[in-house]
N, C-alpha and C. Protein backbone atom coordinates (compact mmCIF):
# COMPACT_ATOMS: atom_id res chain seq x y z
N MET A 1 -35.58 -189.76 98.18
CA MET A 1 -36.21 -188.64 98.53
C MET A 1 -36.33 -188.55 99.92
N LYS A 2 -35.87 -187.80 100.58
CA LYS A 2 -36.00 -187.64 102.04
C LYS A 2 -37.72 -187.53 102.36
N SER A 3 -38.03 -188.08 103.55
CA SER A 3 -39.48 -188.27 104.07
C SER A 3 -40.03 -186.92 104.51
N LYS A 4 -39.21 -186.07 104.99
CA LYS A 4 -39.85 -184.39 104.89
C LYS A 4 -40.24 -183.81 103.66
N THR A 5 -39.45 -184.01 102.75
CA THR A 5 -39.70 -183.52 101.47
C THR A 5 -40.92 -184.23 100.72
N LEU A 6 -41.08 -185.42 100.92
CA LEU A 6 -42.17 -186.12 100.31
C LEU A 6 -43.50 -185.72 101.25
N LYS A 7 -43.38 -185.63 102.33
CA LYS A 7 -44.44 -184.97 103.37
C LYS A 7 -44.77 -183.63 102.79
N PHE A 8 -43.99 -182.85 102.53
CA PHE A 8 -44.22 -181.14 102.04
C PHE A 8 -44.88 -181.50 100.83
N LEU A 9 -44.47 -182.18 99.83
CA LEU A 9 -44.55 -182.46 98.49
C LEU A 9 -46.26 -182.88 98.39
N THR A 10 -46.54 -183.87 99.05
CA THR A 10 -47.87 -184.40 99.33
C THR A 10 -48.82 -183.41 99.87
N ILE A 11 -48.41 -182.86 101.04
CA ILE A 11 -49.38 -181.49 101.57
C ILE A 11 -49.38 -180.58 100.84
N ALA A 12 -48.51 -180.22 99.80
CA ALA A 12 -48.65 -178.86 98.96
C ALA A 12 -49.62 -179.54 97.78
N SER A 13 -49.40 -180.67 97.28
CA SER A 13 -50.21 -180.75 96.21
C SER A 13 -51.83 -180.98 96.65
N VAL A 14 -51.91 -181.75 97.62
CA VAL A 14 -53.65 -181.95 98.35
C VAL A 14 -54.16 -180.52 98.51
N LEU A 15 -53.29 -179.65 99.16
CA LEU A 15 -53.65 -178.26 99.57
C LEU A 15 -54.25 -177.61 98.18
N SER A 16 -53.26 -177.85 97.06
CA SER A 16 -53.26 -176.95 96.10
C SER A 16 -54.61 -177.38 94.94
N VAL A 17 -55.10 -178.57 95.19
CA VAL A 17 -56.00 -178.96 94.67
C VAL A 17 -57.49 -178.78 95.19
N SER A 18 -57.41 -178.99 96.64
CA SER A 18 -58.70 -178.85 97.44
C SER A 18 -59.01 -177.51 98.17
N ALA A 19 -58.04 -176.76 98.24
CA ALA A 19 -58.24 -175.53 98.86
C ALA A 19 -59.06 -174.73 98.15
N PRO A 20 -58.72 -174.44 96.52
CA PRO A 20 -59.65 -173.54 95.74
C PRO A 20 -60.91 -174.19 95.54
N ALA A 21 -61.11 -175.54 95.49
CA ALA A 21 -62.46 -176.00 95.30
C ALA A 21 -63.35 -175.71 96.53
N TYR A 22 -62.72 -175.81 97.90
CA TYR A 22 -63.28 -175.65 98.82
C TYR A 22 -63.68 -174.37 99.04
N SER A 23 -62.94 -173.31 98.94
CA SER A 23 -63.10 -171.85 98.86
C SER A 23 -63.96 -171.37 98.13
N ASN A 24 -64.03 -171.88 97.05
CA ASN A 24 -65.15 -171.32 96.14
C ASN A 24 -66.88 -172.02 96.42
N MET A 25 -66.89 -172.82 97.44
CA MET A 25 -68.21 -173.35 97.70
C MET A 25 -68.27 -172.26 98.75
N LEU A 26 -67.51 -171.69 99.69
CA LEU A 26 -68.13 -170.48 100.46
C LEU A 26 -68.70 -169.38 99.83
N PHE A 27 -67.79 -168.65 99.48
CA PHE A 27 -68.18 -167.32 98.86
C PHE A 27 -67.12 -166.83 97.49
N ASP A 28 -67.57 -166.25 96.62
CA ASP A 28 -66.40 -165.60 95.49
C ASP A 28 -66.57 -164.26 95.55
N VAL A 29 -65.23 -163.65 95.52
CA VAL A 29 -65.28 -162.12 95.22
C VAL A 29 -65.21 -162.05 94.06
N TYR A 30 -65.88 -160.93 93.57
CA TYR A 30 -65.82 -160.35 92.08
C TYR A 30 -65.41 -158.97 92.00
N ALA A 31 -65.42 -158.43 90.60
CA ALA A 31 -65.12 -157.12 90.28
C ALA A 31 -65.91 -157.03 88.77
N GLY A 32 -66.47 -156.01 88.44
CA GLY A 32 -66.95 -155.91 87.19
C GLY A 32 -67.21 -154.59 86.62
N ALA A 33 -67.92 -154.52 85.46
CA ALA A 33 -68.31 -153.27 84.83
C ALA A 33 -69.86 -153.33 84.18
N THR A 34 -70.35 -152.14 84.23
CA THR A 34 -71.80 -152.33 83.86
C THR A 34 -72.29 -151.55 82.77
N TYR A 35 -72.94 -151.76 81.84
CA TYR A 35 -73.33 -150.60 80.86
C TYR A 35 -75.14 -150.65 80.62
N GLY A 36 -75.45 -149.89 80.59
CA GLY A 36 -77.12 -149.64 80.53
C GLY A 36 -77.53 -148.63 79.66
N ILE A 37 -78.79 -148.93 78.96
CA ILE A 37 -79.44 -147.88 78.24
C ILE A 37 -80.86 -147.91 78.54
N GLY A 38 -81.52 -146.94 78.36
CA GLY A 38 -82.92 -146.53 79.06
C GLY A 38 -83.52 -145.11 78.81
N GLY A 39 -84.00 -144.93 79.72
CA GLY A 39 -84.82 -143.36 80.00
C GLY A 39 -84.73 -143.04 81.32
N TYR A 40 -85.28 -141.77 81.38
CA TYR A 40 -85.51 -140.95 82.72
C TYR A 40 -86.86 -140.40 82.67
N THR A 41 -87.22 -140.20 83.63
CA THR A 41 -88.40 -139.20 84.07
C THR A 41 -88.30 -138.24 85.10
N MET A 42 -88.14 -136.94 85.01
CA MET A 42 -88.14 -136.08 86.03
C MET A 42 -89.61 -135.49 86.15
N PHE A 43 -90.02 -135.60 87.41
CA PHE A 43 -91.11 -134.98 87.86
C PHE A 43 -91.04 -133.69 88.48
N THR A 44 -91.35 -132.58 87.67
CA THR A 44 -90.96 -131.11 88.14
C THR A 44 -92.33 -130.43 87.59
N ASN A 45 -92.48 -129.16 88.81
CA ASN A 45 -93.36 -128.42 88.27
C ASN A 45 -94.85 -129.09 87.72
N GLY A 46 -95.50 -130.08 88.33
CA GLY A 46 -96.78 -130.68 87.80
C GLY A 46 -96.47 -131.24 86.36
N GLU A 47 -95.17 -131.12 85.63
CA GLU A 47 -94.87 -131.71 84.39
C GLU A 47 -94.05 -132.81 84.68
N ASN A 48 -94.06 -134.04 83.39
CA ASN A 48 -93.18 -134.96 83.50
C ASN A 48 -92.30 -134.95 82.26
N VAL A 49 -90.98 -134.74 82.34
CA VAL A 49 -89.90 -134.56 81.43
C VAL A 49 -89.28 -135.84 81.32
N SER A 50 -89.39 -136.22 80.02
CA SER A 50 -88.90 -137.74 79.80
C SER A 50 -87.88 -137.78 78.66
N LYS A 51 -86.80 -138.24 78.91
CA LYS A 51 -85.49 -138.45 77.98
C LYS A 51 -84.95 -139.70 77.97
N SER A 52 -83.87 -139.89 77.08
CA SER A 52 -83.29 -141.17 77.00
C SER A 52 -82.06 -140.92 78.02
N SER A 53 -81.48 -142.20 78.40
CA SER A 53 -80.31 -142.04 79.06
C SER A 53 -79.45 -143.45 78.98
N GLN A 54 -78.29 -143.42 79.48
CA GLN A 54 -77.21 -144.38 79.37
C GLN A 54 -76.52 -144.27 80.78
N SER A 55 -75.99 -145.42 81.04
CA SER A 55 -75.08 -145.64 82.39
C SER A 55 -73.79 -146.62 82.25
N VAL A 56 -72.98 -146.11 83.03
CA VAL A 56 -71.69 -147.24 82.86
C VAL A 56 -71.17 -147.13 84.45
N GLY A 57 -70.71 -148.22 84.83
CA GLY A 57 -70.34 -148.22 86.16
C GLY A 57 -69.57 -149.45 86.41
N ALA A 58 -69.00 -149.46 87.80
CA ALA A 58 -68.01 -150.50 88.31
C ALA A 58 -68.93 -151.20 89.56
N VAL A 59 -68.64 -152.48 89.61
CA VAL A 59 -69.05 -152.89 90.82
C VAL A 59 -67.97 -154.04 91.67
N LEU A 60 -68.07 -154.12 92.97
CA LEU A 60 -67.06 -155.07 93.50
C LEU A 60 -68.04 -155.64 94.61
N GLY A 61 -68.05 -157.20 94.68
CA GLY A 61 -68.92 -157.70 95.62
C GLY A 61 -68.57 -159.14 96.12
N MET A 62 -69.19 -159.62 96.63
CA MET A 62 -69.08 -161.12 97.04
C MET A 62 -70.50 -161.75 96.93
N ASP A 63 -70.16 -162.85 96.46
CA ASP A 63 -71.00 -163.95 95.77
C ASP A 63 -71.22 -165.37 96.78
N ILE A 64 -72.31 -165.12 97.61
CA ILE A 64 -72.72 -166.46 98.59
C ILE A 64 -73.50 -167.44 97.93
N PRO A 65 -73.79 -168.55 98.08
CA PRO A 65 -74.56 -169.25 97.63
C PRO A 65 -76.00 -169.00 96.82
N MET A 66 -76.57 -168.49 97.89
CA MET A 66 -77.92 -167.99 97.40
C MET A 66 -78.03 -166.62 97.67
N PHE A 67 -77.09 -165.73 98.01
CA PHE A 67 -77.12 -164.09 97.99
C PHE A 67 -75.98 -163.48 97.48
N ARG A 68 -76.17 -162.30 97.03
CA ARG A 68 -74.88 -161.49 96.35
C ARG A 68 -74.98 -160.20 97.15
N VAL A 69 -73.98 -159.65 97.27
CA VAL A 69 -73.66 -158.32 98.14
C VAL A 69 -72.77 -157.52 97.34
N GLU A 70 -73.19 -156.11 96.81
CA GLU A 70 -71.87 -155.56 96.10
C GLU A 70 -71.99 -153.99 96.22
N LEU A 71 -70.92 -153.49 96.39
CA LEU A 71 -70.70 -151.88 96.19
C LEU A 71 -70.81 -151.47 94.74
N GLU A 72 -71.42 -150.46 94.35
CA GLU A 72 -71.74 -150.04 92.88
C GLU A 72 -71.61 -148.48 92.83
N TYR A 73 -70.61 -148.33 91.77
CA TYR A 73 -70.47 -146.95 91.61
C TYR A 73 -71.25 -146.68 90.01
N ASN A 74 -71.94 -145.85 89.79
CA ASN A 74 -72.82 -145.84 88.42
C ASN A 74 -72.51 -144.20 87.95
N PHE A 75 -72.26 -143.87 86.77
CA PHE A 75 -72.33 -142.61 86.41
C PHE A 75 -73.57 -142.74 85.03
N LEU A 76 -74.59 -141.74 85.22
CA LEU A 76 -75.74 -141.96 84.45
C LEU A 76 -75.75 -140.51 83.76
N ASP A 77 -75.67 -140.73 82.26
CA ASP A 77 -75.67 -139.74 81.61
C ASP A 77 -76.91 -139.45 80.87
N ALA A 78 -78.00 -138.53 81.31
CA ALA A 78 -79.24 -138.46 80.62
C ALA A 78 -79.50 -137.00 80.44
N ASN A 79 -78.91 -136.60 79.21
CA ASN A 79 -79.27 -135.39 78.50
C ASN A 79 -78.97 -134.18 79.45
N ASN A 80 -79.83 -134.04 80.12
CA ASN A 80 -79.48 -132.65 80.84
C ASN A 80 -78.94 -133.07 82.63
N ALA A 81 -79.17 -133.98 82.55
CA ALA A 81 -78.66 -134.57 84.26
C ALA A 81 -77.45 -135.49 84.16
N LYS A 82 -76.49 -135.29 84.72
CA LYS A 82 -75.10 -135.91 84.83
C LYS A 82 -75.10 -136.43 86.37
N LEU A 83 -75.15 -137.72 86.65
CA LEU A 83 -75.24 -138.19 88.28
C LEU A 83 -74.29 -139.33 88.19
N ASN A 84 -73.42 -139.05 89.51
CA ASN A 84 -72.70 -140.08 89.94
C ASN A 84 -73.40 -140.47 91.24
N LEU A 85 -73.45 -142.12 91.43
CA LEU A 85 -73.97 -142.69 92.49
C LEU A 85 -73.16 -143.62 92.85
N GLY A 86 -73.45 -143.69 94.42
CA GLY A 86 -72.82 -144.70 95.11
C GLY A 86 -73.45 -145.47 95.82
N LEU A 87 -73.66 -146.95 95.29
CA LEU A 87 -74.89 -147.73 95.99
C LEU A 87 -74.32 -148.87 96.44
N ILE A 88 -75.26 -149.52 97.51
CA ILE A 88 -74.92 -150.85 98.23
C ILE A 88 -76.17 -151.79 97.76
N ASN A 89 -75.77 -152.76 97.16
CA ASN A 89 -76.84 -153.74 96.60
C ASN A 89 -76.87 -155.11 97.21
N ALA A 90 -78.14 -155.63 97.28
CA ALA A 90 -78.10 -156.75 97.96
C ALA A 90 -79.03 -157.62 96.96
N TYR A 91 -78.76 -158.81 96.73
CA TYR A 91 -79.49 -159.72 95.69
C TYR A 91 -79.90 -161.27 96.46
N PHE A 92 -80.99 -161.54 96.02
CA PHE A 92 -81.38 -163.07 96.26
C PHE A 92 -81.39 -163.99 94.83
N LYS A 93 -80.76 -164.72 94.70
CA LYS A 93 -80.63 -165.84 93.56
C LYS A 93 -81.24 -167.31 93.63
N LEU A 94 -81.84 -167.71 92.77
CA LEU A 94 -82.13 -169.14 92.68
C LEU A 94 -80.92 -169.92 92.26
N PRO A 95 -80.77 -171.03 93.09
CA PRO A 95 -79.33 -171.87 92.80
C PRO A 95 -79.55 -172.89 91.87
N THR A 96 -79.85 -172.39 90.73
CA THR A 96 -80.23 -173.33 89.36
C THR A 96 -78.33 -173.36 89.01
N PRO A 97 -78.09 -174.22 88.14
CA PRO A 97 -76.66 -174.50 87.59
C PRO A 97 -76.07 -173.55 86.92
N ILE A 98 -76.59 -173.15 85.49
CA ILE A 98 -75.90 -172.22 84.56
C ILE A 98 -76.62 -170.86 84.47
N VAL A 99 -78.05 -170.93 84.52
CA VAL A 99 -78.74 -169.80 84.47
C VAL A 99 -79.41 -169.49 85.58
N LYS A 100 -79.11 -168.51 86.31
CA LYS A 100 -79.47 -168.10 87.73
C LYS A 100 -80.55 -166.76 87.61
N PRO A 101 -81.70 -166.93 88.12
CA PRO A 101 -82.58 -165.68 87.95
C PRO A 101 -82.28 -164.98 89.35
N TYR A 102 -82.44 -163.77 89.57
CA TYR A 102 -82.15 -163.13 90.40
C TYR A 102 -83.11 -161.89 90.90
N ILE A 103 -83.21 -161.49 91.81
CA ILE A 103 -83.90 -159.89 92.34
C ILE A 103 -83.13 -159.55 93.29
N GLY A 104 -83.21 -157.95 93.15
CA GLY A 104 -82.15 -157.32 94.15
C GLY A 104 -82.92 -155.91 94.15
N VAL A 105 -82.26 -155.30 95.43
CA VAL A 105 -82.47 -153.97 95.82
C VAL A 105 -81.26 -153.21 96.04
N GLY A 106 -81.13 -151.88 96.16
CA GLY A 106 -80.01 -151.12 96.32
C GLY A 106 -80.61 -149.95 97.06
N ILE A 107 -79.63 -149.47 97.80
CA ILE A 107 -79.62 -147.90 98.24
C ILE A 107 -78.16 -147.23 98.28
N GLY A 108 -78.47 -146.04 98.14
CA GLY A 108 -77.29 -145.23 97.94
C GLY A 108 -77.44 -143.82 97.80
N SER A 109 -76.54 -142.89 97.32
CA SER A 109 -76.47 -141.61 97.40
C SER A 109 -75.83 -140.98 95.99
N THR A 110 -76.35 -139.78 95.78
CA THR A 110 -75.54 -139.03 94.68
C THR A 110 -74.72 -138.30 95.12
N PHE A 111 -73.34 -137.97 94.18
CA PHE A 111 -72.53 -137.04 94.78
C PHE A 111 -71.87 -136.49 93.39
N ASP A 112 -71.49 -135.02 93.59
CA ASP A 112 -70.69 -134.47 92.35
C ASP A 112 -71.53 -134.57 91.04
N SER A 113 -72.92 -134.14 91.13
CA SER A 113 -73.78 -134.44 90.16
C SER A 113 -74.44 -133.07 89.71
N LYS A 114 -74.77 -132.80 88.51
CA LYS A 114 -75.56 -131.72 88.07
C LYS A 114 -76.59 -132.18 87.14
N TYR A 115 -77.44 -130.96 87.20
CA TYR A 115 -78.55 -130.94 86.19
C TYR A 115 -78.59 -129.59 85.75
N GLU A 116 -78.84 -129.61 84.43
CA GLU A 116 -78.72 -128.49 83.63
C GLU A 116 -79.91 -128.21 82.87
N PRO A 117 -81.08 -127.66 83.25
CA PRO A 117 -82.40 -127.53 82.71
C PRO A 117 -82.12 -126.56 81.22
N ASP A 118 -83.09 -126.57 80.49
CA ASP A 118 -82.68 -125.76 79.15
C ASP A 118 -82.74 -124.32 79.31
N ASN A 119 -81.60 -123.64 79.02
CA ASN A 119 -81.61 -122.48 79.23
C ASN A 119 -81.64 -121.85 80.69
N SER A 120 -81.08 -122.52 81.29
CA SER A 120 -80.99 -121.98 82.68
C SER A 120 -79.65 -122.54 83.41
N ALA A 121 -79.39 -121.94 84.58
CA ALA A 121 -78.20 -122.45 85.10
C ALA A 121 -77.99 -123.65 86.06
N THR A 122 -76.76 -124.32 86.10
CA THR A 122 -76.47 -125.52 86.41
C THR A 122 -77.04 -125.65 87.90
N ILE A 123 -77.71 -126.59 88.06
CA ILE A 123 -77.90 -127.09 89.47
C ILE A 123 -77.14 -128.20 90.17
N ASN A 124 -76.54 -128.13 91.23
CA ASN A 124 -75.80 -129.25 91.81
C ASN A 124 -76.60 -130.09 92.54
N ILE A 125 -76.42 -131.56 92.34
CA ILE A 125 -77.22 -132.46 93.07
C ILE A 125 -76.13 -133.34 93.67
N ASP A 126 -76.14 -133.01 95.09
CA ASP A 126 -75.44 -133.74 95.97
C ASP A 126 -76.04 -134.36 97.27
N ASP A 127 -75.68 -135.29 97.70
CA ASP A 127 -76.17 -135.99 98.80
C ASP A 127 -77.60 -136.19 98.53
N THR A 128 -78.19 -136.78 97.58
CA THR A 128 -79.58 -136.92 97.76
C THR A 128 -79.79 -138.55 97.48
N MET A 129 -80.57 -139.10 98.42
CA MET A 129 -80.83 -140.45 98.69
C MET A 129 -81.23 -140.91 97.23
N ALA A 130 -80.85 -142.48 96.83
CA ALA A 130 -81.21 -142.84 95.62
C ALA A 130 -81.49 -144.35 96.26
N TYR A 131 -82.49 -145.14 95.62
CA TYR A 131 -83.12 -146.40 95.62
C TYR A 131 -83.41 -147.17 94.49
N GLN A 132 -82.96 -148.41 94.56
CA GLN A 132 -83.10 -149.20 93.26
C GLN A 132 -83.62 -150.46 93.41
N GLY A 133 -84.32 -151.17 92.48
CA GLY A 133 -84.87 -152.60 92.19
C GLY A 133 -84.25 -153.26 91.20
N MET A 134 -83.82 -154.26 91.16
CA MET A 134 -83.33 -155.11 89.85
C MET A 134 -84.07 -156.47 89.51
N LEU A 135 -83.95 -156.95 88.54
CA LEU A 135 -84.34 -158.16 87.91
C LEU A 135 -83.81 -158.64 86.97
N GLY A 136 -83.21 -159.95 87.31
CA GLY A 136 -82.20 -160.25 85.97
C GLY A 136 -82.08 -161.83 86.18
N LEU A 137 -81.00 -162.03 85.14
CA LEU A 137 -80.40 -163.50 84.93
C LEU A 137 -78.98 -163.58 84.82
N THR A 138 -78.13 -164.37 85.59
CA THR A 138 -76.87 -164.49 85.45
C THR A 138 -76.43 -165.74 84.61
N LEU A 139 -75.71 -165.59 83.63
CA LEU A 139 -75.13 -166.84 82.86
C LEU A 139 -73.78 -167.17 83.67
N ASN A 140 -73.69 -168.28 84.12
CA ASN A 140 -72.54 -168.74 85.17
C ASN A 140 -72.07 -169.72 84.26
N LEU A 141 -71.15 -169.60 83.41
CA LEU A 141 -70.60 -170.73 82.93
C LEU A 141 -69.20 -171.45 83.66
N PRO A 142 -69.27 -172.64 83.72
CA PRO A 142 -68.45 -173.21 84.81
C PRO A 142 -67.14 -173.23 84.17
N VAL A 143 -66.38 -173.04 83.01
CA VAL A 143 -65.10 -173.13 82.45
C VAL A 143 -64.56 -171.98 82.50
N ILE A 144 -65.11 -170.64 82.45
CA ILE A 144 -64.53 -169.47 82.50
C ILE A 144 -64.65 -168.73 83.79
N PRO A 145 -63.83 -167.61 84.19
CA PRO A 145 -64.17 -167.02 85.35
C PRO A 145 -65.11 -165.64 85.27
N PHE A 146 -65.91 -165.74 84.16
CA PHE A 146 -66.73 -164.48 83.92
C PHE A 146 -68.10 -165.01 84.24
N ASN A 147 -68.89 -163.82 85.17
CA ASN A 147 -70.29 -164.19 85.02
C ASN A 147 -70.93 -162.97 84.25
N ILE A 148 -72.08 -163.34 83.66
CA ILE A 148 -72.78 -162.33 82.59
C ILE A 148 -73.94 -162.12 82.95
N ASP A 149 -74.34 -160.77 83.64
CA ASP A 149 -75.80 -160.64 84.00
C ASP A 149 -76.35 -159.76 83.35
N VAL A 150 -77.78 -160.09 82.77
CA VAL A 150 -78.47 -159.30 82.10
C VAL A 150 -79.69 -158.93 82.80
N GLU A 151 -79.99 -157.48 83.24
CA GLU A 151 -81.19 -157.16 84.14
C GLU A 151 -82.01 -156.04 83.52
N GLY A 152 -83.16 -155.86 84.20
CA GLY A 152 -83.73 -154.48 84.31
C GLY A 152 -83.53 -153.94 85.61
N ARG A 153 -83.50 -152.50 85.52
CA ARG A 153 -83.09 -151.76 86.70
C ARG A 153 -84.35 -150.56 86.77
N VAL A 154 -84.84 -150.27 87.62
CA VAL A 154 -85.41 -149.04 88.14
C VAL A 154 -84.85 -148.40 89.21
N LEU A 155 -84.41 -147.03 89.01
CA LEU A 155 -83.72 -146.18 90.17
C LEU A 155 -84.71 -145.03 90.48
N TYR A 156 -84.91 -144.76 91.72
CA TYR A 156 -85.67 -143.82 92.14
C TYR A 156 -84.92 -142.76 93.05
N ALA A 157 -84.85 -141.43 92.77
CA ALA A 157 -84.23 -140.66 93.61
C ALA A 157 -85.31 -139.43 94.09
N PRO A 158 -85.82 -139.11 95.04
CA PRO A 158 -86.94 -138.46 95.50
C PRO A 158 -86.27 -136.94 95.67
N ASP A 159 -86.78 -136.09 95.36
CA ASP A 159 -86.28 -134.54 95.78
C ASP A 159 -84.74 -134.29 95.33
N VAL A 160 -84.38 -134.47 94.25
CA VAL A 160 -83.21 -134.51 93.88
C VAL A 160 -82.58 -133.09 93.91
N PHE A 161 -83.31 -132.00 93.69
CA PHE A 161 -82.92 -130.59 94.06
C PHE A 161 -83.86 -129.99 94.14
N THR A 162 -83.72 -128.50 94.59
CA THR A 162 -84.65 -127.39 94.99
C THR A 162 -84.76 -126.50 93.96
N ILE A 163 -85.81 -125.97 93.22
CA ILE A 163 -85.62 -124.78 92.38
C ILE A 163 -87.19 -124.19 92.23
N ALA A 164 -87.11 -122.88 92.59
CA ALA A 164 -88.31 -122.28 92.52
C ALA A 164 -89.46 -122.99 93.43
N ASP A 165 -89.16 -123.28 94.73
CA ASP A 165 -90.13 -124.03 95.52
C ASP A 165 -90.60 -125.33 95.21
N ASP A 166 -89.85 -125.92 94.03
CA ASP A 166 -90.27 -127.26 93.83
C ASP A 166 -88.86 -128.14 93.89
N THR A 167 -89.56 -129.58 94.19
CA THR A 167 -88.39 -130.47 94.52
C THR A 167 -88.80 -131.58 93.69
N PRO A 168 -88.08 -131.73 92.65
CA PRO A 168 -88.73 -132.78 91.55
C PRO A 168 -88.08 -134.04 92.03
N ASP A 169 -88.49 -135.15 91.40
CA ASP A 169 -88.24 -136.58 91.60
C ASP A 169 -87.69 -137.27 90.25
N LEU A 170 -86.70 -138.20 90.63
CA LEU A 170 -86.03 -138.51 89.23
C LEU A 170 -86.59 -140.04 89.13
N LEU A 171 -87.08 -140.64 88.25
CA LEU A 171 -87.24 -142.02 87.91
C LEU A 171 -86.34 -142.38 86.66
N GLN A 172 -85.46 -143.49 86.87
CA GLN A 172 -84.54 -143.84 85.63
C GLN A 172 -84.87 -145.48 85.59
N TYR A 173 -84.99 -145.84 84.40
CA TYR A 173 -85.36 -147.34 83.99
C TYR A 173 -84.26 -147.69 82.95
N GLU A 174 -83.90 -148.87 83.26
CA GLU A 174 -83.08 -149.41 81.95
C GLU A 174 -82.88 -150.85 81.96
N GLY A 175 -82.35 -151.27 80.83
CA GLY A 175 -81.74 -152.46 80.61
C GLY A 175 -80.36 -152.41 80.62
N ARG A 176 -79.69 -153.22 81.41
CA ARG A 176 -78.22 -153.34 81.43
C ARG A 176 -77.40 -154.56 81.24
N VAL A 177 -76.28 -154.65 81.18
CA VAL A 177 -75.45 -155.61 80.81
C VAL A 177 -74.32 -155.64 82.03
N LYS A 178 -74.15 -156.70 82.95
CA LYS A 178 -72.86 -156.59 83.80
C LYS A 178 -71.96 -157.83 83.31
N LEU A 179 -70.63 -157.62 83.30
CA LEU A 179 -69.80 -158.16 83.35
C LEU A 179 -68.97 -158.55 84.34
N ARG A 180 -68.82 -159.69 85.37
CA ARG A 180 -68.20 -159.66 86.62
C ARG A 180 -67.11 -160.73 86.25
N TYR A 181 -66.05 -160.40 86.90
CA TYR A 181 -64.85 -161.36 86.89
C TYR A 181 -64.59 -161.94 88.32
N VAL A 182 -64.70 -163.36 88.48
CA VAL A 182 -64.66 -163.69 89.83
C VAL A 182 -63.48 -164.47 90.08
N PHE A 183 -62.56 -163.79 91.16
CA PHE A 183 -61.43 -163.77 91.67
C PHE A 183 -61.52 -165.46 91.98
């Protein structure tokens, strides 16, 4: 075998083994899906209207050893309210081996959302700021490329719309599961 071919094969084999291991130490890119169930409370006209809700969503993010940053799309289906949310989340996690506790915050906005009060016309909810807090655990199994997050989440959207000189606030709380594929 020629020496150039041998050098090439040696370099290729070393890089194929060490490059993926080294790159995973810096950061991981991931994509995933979420599902949550809970409830929401709409504070309107001095009354509190509480109903059940569920959500589905998608995430795309970057996992750095003690931090995680992600973009999130979330569809909230809550009886009278149908909200589309775009959020940016940041997490701080403890560097434990398999089960990693974390805490996170997020900020974003609603878009193309609707609220349909009983026996009333549909109200559009667009460009309303939303804030969220998360507390959870990540199950990080070293042999599979998936991470499983179990978390509690609270979402707050102030002044979601205006009706009859009232601007209600929305408080949504849920337990959810997130499945993330790590590239």
